Structure formats: structure tokens, C-alpha cells
């Protein structure tokens, strides 16, 4: 039996291996100086196995195609080019027809509604040129109201089988939804699917909110609110939209919170007496620990995935730069040494990179560097790009981009870590401060 061979290759941009095979030799996605030739993929319309599934089958296969094409790694072949039609989940595949339109991967599937009214979605993935199925067909069950989640789960499986890496489609974004003019901007927290669908509002517009951050389990969100007149940190439960103010000094300004990987500790900035330092708070006991005490501004802390280190921004060297210290404090080491100012560092979930905002010569950039500061790479350049957040697999970054001028408004964009595939996230209205959730359970 012909088995798909994994063709591992390494490039300076550290993208993942891809897998596939041709009859005449190994098939690979070629990367040249960060330019990937997308893999042609066909997503056959899923078969509705009973009448109740008819409205869902086409929608699910459409979202799967959009998810994969949106990565920039795949090129979906238009259905008007199809020669064969898939009429049954178990029908034999006429591989010659798919080869004729240069489909190198084929996804087929079927949808039904069971006796409990739940969607049952199954799919198969084929390497067309080797005429082999990639892994076993899988089945997902979900509520009809959440049919998009099922499509995202299928997409994650396809992505993983072809790239060898975890997907990121079944995830959510919490962000600040903005409305009104610049001089009277209204802001409230909102949550949505990673692709901008299913927006729900978590707070009202009665006070300014900033910088929401997901817990490691994705069920809670930290954010900063100005409802008392100055910044204070709150924690909100996503499921029931209940919230509480953190146990920090009421007379101090607290902001820039993030969870530790254990979800029980929060790191944040506290400004009091003309000084801004980084603290941790144990959510169970209320115990606080001061981590920095320099006569400078320390803020935007972010834990490493193993919880042993914290990266943060500080102006202790007279300019805004990035530093790393132990999770319990101690003498930090500077990791940014390029021209310009650095801020909003975020540790990659893979632990290999730090994303950041850089301002230099009147332009803003989203960039990444190794955790020791080496191999700095700028991914974007704009009037104002800021606030990166990582996809759960550490391969894509979302951020805020604002246009120039009095009418300029913020939007959400994403880019992969090679600097390719810059895309605007389709959100109605203005949006800022995105934070990516872990994969949903």
C-alpha cells in the first residue's frame, strides 16, 4: 500500500513540515524566502444523509474550505471545476477525476441529524496522487446551533494531518468592540469565533475597558476597567458573564493583567506613589508578591508557557525595551537591542518566540524574536500596529491596526510568523485589543 510520506524540511522562518506524496515522487509545499506555494485542495460538498441535515451539509463544507484557504497554505479548488460528484460517504473515489483538476488533497464528508436532534458530521481526507486515505475517517457530534464549531473541528483535523501541527480553528477571540468618534469612543468587551463569526458582547458601554486576556482554560477573562475613574482589574466568567474585581489596593491603578499557566496566579502592573511595578496575585489566597522595584515603568508582563519566566517591557534603560526575569522576580536581562522602542511582549505558546510591538522611525511593527533576543524579525509595518496575540498553535498572530487621520479606526488583522498572509479579520465596526483563546474543549 502506498503510504503518505512525511517530507520534513527546515526554513529560516521555522514553518512546520508538510506531508503528501505524488506518483512520481514526494510532493511538498515549497517555501522560498517565506513564499509558500499553496497546496491545491478540493472540499467536496458534504452529503446530507437525512432531510434535517440538508441545510447544514453545504454550510459545513463551505466553512471548512474557507478555514483552510484562510491559512495561506492551501488553495481551494472551485466547485465549478469538479468532474466527479460525491453522492455517498462510502462511495469509491474516482481519483483520476480529481487528478485531472490538480487536486492534491480531497475532503469528503456526510452530515445527519440523530434522534436527539444533534448534528453528526463525519469526514475523510485523501491524498489524491497516492490514492490513499490519510488516517481514519472521524465523526463529530454537536448541537445544531453550534454547527460552525463542528466545521472548525473538522478543519483542525485536516490541518493537523497535512501539516503535522495542531490546528487553531476551534478557538475564540475576546476583544474590545469600539464605536463612536475618537474623542468620545465607547468600548465594551466582546467575544467571537476566531474568524469573526458569532459575536457576543460581555460588557456594556458604561465604562472604558481595555486589554482582555483569556485564562489557560478559556473559561475566564481578565481585563482592565475605568468604571471607578481609574484603571482596576476585573475577572469575568465567560459562561455566565459574572465578574469580580481583583483583590488589589483600591487606591492604586492596576492594569495589564495576564494569567500564569496554572490559571491560579495573575501577573499585572500596579502604579502607586509615582512608580509602576510588576506584581503577582494568587487568586485563591489573595497573596500579592512584588517582582520589580526599579524607579522606572515596568508593564505588559507575560509568562513563559512553563511558568518559569516572565517577559515584560521597561524604560529602565532610558528607552522602552524588553526584559526577561524569573517568575519570582530577580535581576532581569534585556533581550531587545534593535533601533526603536519595544512593547507589549507576549510569549509564544510553543515557548520558542516572543511577539512584540515595535515603534521606529514613525512606523509601528509587529515582530517576533527568539526568547534570548536573537533573530528579530518584523512581520508588519503600518501607521499603527500593536498588541499581538498568539494562535493556540503558535503559528499565527492577531493584532490591532489603526489607520491614520481623524476618521481612522482600529481593526483586527492576522499574519503568520513568516510575515505572509496578512489578513483583515471580518468584524463589523471597530475592534482592538484581541486575545486568542486556547483550543476549545
Foldseek 3Di string as FASTA:
>chain_A
DDDKDWDADDDPLGAFTFIAQAPVGGDGFDADLRQTDAAEAEEAQEEEPDPVCVVLRRVLSVLLQVVRVLVVNHDYDDPVQQPDHDHDQPDQDPLVRVVVSPHQKYKYKYWYQDPVRKIKIKMWMARSRSRDTQDDIDIDIGHPVVSNLVSQVVSQVVCCSGRVFGDFQQWKKKFWFWDDFPVDIFTFIWMAGPQAPDIDTLDDRQWDKDFWAAFQQRQKIWIWTCNVPATFIKMAGPVVSDIDTAPDDPVWHKGLWYAANVRQKIWTWIDDPQAIFIWMAGNVPRDIATADDDRWHWGLWEAQNVRFKIKTWICPVVATFIWMDTNRHDDIDTQADDPFHWHNWYAFNVRFKIWIWGDDPQWIFIWIAGPNNPPIDTQDIANDWGAWEARQRRFKIKTWDWHDDSRIAIFIWMATSSSPSIGTRDHPHGIHNMYMHHRHD
